């Protein structure tokens, strides 16, 4: 493998790890509340597939605390 291939594989691995942690470890209510408090569109934080999975979390108030 050359250096370019190694860097590409390393970069691809970062995306996998980030997606896994968003799905399995982070409470989506915390992210939704943060987005509401800071006027950030939730679509910027979650991809469409996770938005459909976390519909229940979209009803979280901006003042939600874990």
C-alpha atoms as a PDB file:
ATOM      1  CA  UNK A   1       0.000   0.000   0.000  1.00  0.00           C
ATOM      2  CA  UNK A   2       1.299   3.449  -0.829  1.00  0.00           C
ATOM      3  CA  UNK A   3       1.008   6.512   1.392  1.00  0.00           C
ATOM      4  CA  UNK A   4      -2.029   7.872  -0.431  1.00  0.00           C
ATOM      5  CA  UNK A   5      -3.951   4.622   0.085  1.00  0.00           C
ATOM      6  CA  UNK A   6      -3.003   4.541   3.761  1.00  0.00           C
ATOM      7  CA  UNK A   7      -4.219   8.118   4.284  1.00  0.00           C
ATOM      8  CA  UNK A   8      -7.464   7.351   2.467  1.00  0.00           C
ATOM      9  CA  UNK A   9      -8.124   4.286   4.672  1.00  0.00           C
ATOM     10  CA  UNK A  10      -7.324   6.279   7.806  1.00  0.00           C
ATOM     11  CA  UNK A  11      -9.726   9.040   6.775  1.00  0.00           C
ATOM     12  CA  UNK A  12     -12.498   6.513   6.003  1.00  0.00           C
ATOM     13  CA  UNK A  13     -12.055   4.972   9.450  1.00  0.00           C
ATOM     14  CA  UNK A  14     -12.692   8.298  11.149  1.00  0.00           C
ATOM     15  CA  UNK A  15     -16.166   8.529   9.646  1.00  0.00           C
ATOM     16  CA  UNK A  16     -17.077   5.036  10.778  1.00  0.00           C
ATOM     17  CA  UNK A  17     -16.070   5.718  14.375  1.00  0.00           C
ATOM     18  CA  UNK A  18     -17.947   9.026  14.519  1.00  0.00           C
ATOM     19  CA  UNK A  19     -21.140   7.533  13.158  1.00  0.00           C
ATOM     20  CA  UNK A  20     -20.959   4.659  15.606  1.00  0.00           C
ATOM     21  CA  UNK A  21     -20.586   6.923  18.619  1.00  0.00           C
ATOM     22  CA  UNK A  22     -23.488   9.155  17.526  1.00  0.00           C
ATOM     23  CA  UNK A  23     -25.712   6.126  17.196  1.00  0.00           C
ATOM     24  CA  UNK A  24     -24.687   4.071  20.205  1.00  0.00           C
ATOM     25  CA  UNK A  25     -23.242   6.316  22.894  1.00  0.00           C
ATOM     26  CA  UNK A  26     -24.669   9.827  22.684  1.00  0.00           C
ATOM     27  CA  UNK A  27     -28.141  10.608  23.967  1.00  0.00           C
ATOM     28  CA  UNK A  28     -29.802  12.388  21.026  1.00  0.00           C
ATOM     29  CA  UNK A  29     -31.845  14.566  23.388  1.00  0.00           C
ATOM     30  CA  UNK A  30     -28.639  16.320  24.480  1.00  0.00           C
ATOM     31  CA  UNK A  31     -27.677  17.096  20.895  1.00  0.00           C
ATOM     32  CA  UNK A  32     -31.192  18.266  20.010  1.00  0.00           C
ATOM     33  CA  UNK A  33     -31.366  20.548  23.066  1.00  0.00           C
ATOM     34  CA  UNK A  34     -27.950  22.012  22.223  1.00  0.00           C
ATOM     35  CA  UNK A  35     -29.058  22.665  18.641  1.00  0.00           C
ATOM     36  CA  UNK A  36     -32.202  24.428  19.838  1.00  0.00           C
ATOM     37  CA  UNK A  37     -30.299  26.578  22.350  1.00  0.00           C
ATOM     38  CA  UNK A  38     -27.686  27.583  19.777  1.00  0.00           C
ATOM     39  CA  UNK A  39     -30.047  27.906  16.799  1.00  0.00           C
ATOM     40  CA  UNK A  40     -28.269  25.178  14.817  1.00  0.00           C
ATOM     41  CA  UNK A  41     -30.312  23.062  12.426  1.00  0.00           C
ATOM     42  CA  UNK A  42     -30.447  19.477  13.683  1.00  0.00           C
ATOM     43  CA  UNK A  43     -29.749  18.318  10.117  1.00  0.00           C
ATOM     44  CA  UNK A  44     -26.226  19.705  10.532  1.00  0.00           C
ATOM     45  CA  UNK A  45     -25.594  17.290  13.405  1.00  0.00           C
ATOM     46  CA  UNK A  46     -27.459  14.134  12.368  1.00  0.00           C
ATOM     47  CA  UNK A  47     -27.655  12.528   8.928  1.00  0.00           C
ATOM     48  CA  UNK A  48     -31.137  11.771   7.509  1.00  0.00           C
ATOM     49  CA  UNK A  49     -31.020   8.127   8.581  1.00  0.00           C
ATOM     50  CA  UNK A  50     -30.432   9.055  12.220  1.00  0.00           C
ATOM     51  CA  UNK A  51     -33.042  11.817  12.109  1.00  0.00           C
ATOM     52  CA  UNK A  52     -35.671   9.244  11.225  1.00  0.00           C
ATOM     53  CA  UNK A  53     -34.407   6.944  13.982  1.00  0.00           C
ATOM     54  CA  UNK A  54     -34.422   9.709  16.612  1.00  0.00           C
ATOM     55  CA  UNK A  55     -37.778  11.357  15.846  1.00  0.00           C
ATOM     56  CA  UNK A  56     -38.753  10.942  19.487  1.00  0.00           C
ATOM     57  CA  UNK A  57     -35.809  13.129  20.554  1.00  0.00           C
ATOM     58  CA  UNK A  58     -36.924  16.065  18.392  1.00  0.00           C
ATOM     59  CA  UNK A  59     -39.571  16.911  21.005  1.00  0.00           C
ATOM     60  CA  UNK A  60     -36.871  17.731  23.566  1.00  0.00           C
ATOM     61  CA  UNK A  61     -36.982  21.226  25.045  1.00  0.00           C
ATOM     62  CA  UNK A  62     -34.023  23.579  24.668  1.00  0.00           C
ATOM     63  CA  UNK A  63     -33.503  23.563  28.442  1.00  0.00           C
ATOM     64  CA  UNK A  64     -33.154  19.762  28.665  1.00  0.00           C
ATOM     65  CA  UNK A  65     -30.382  18.616  31.019  1.00  0.00           C
ATOM     66  CA  UNK A  66     -29.091  15.092  31.383  1.00  0.00           C
END
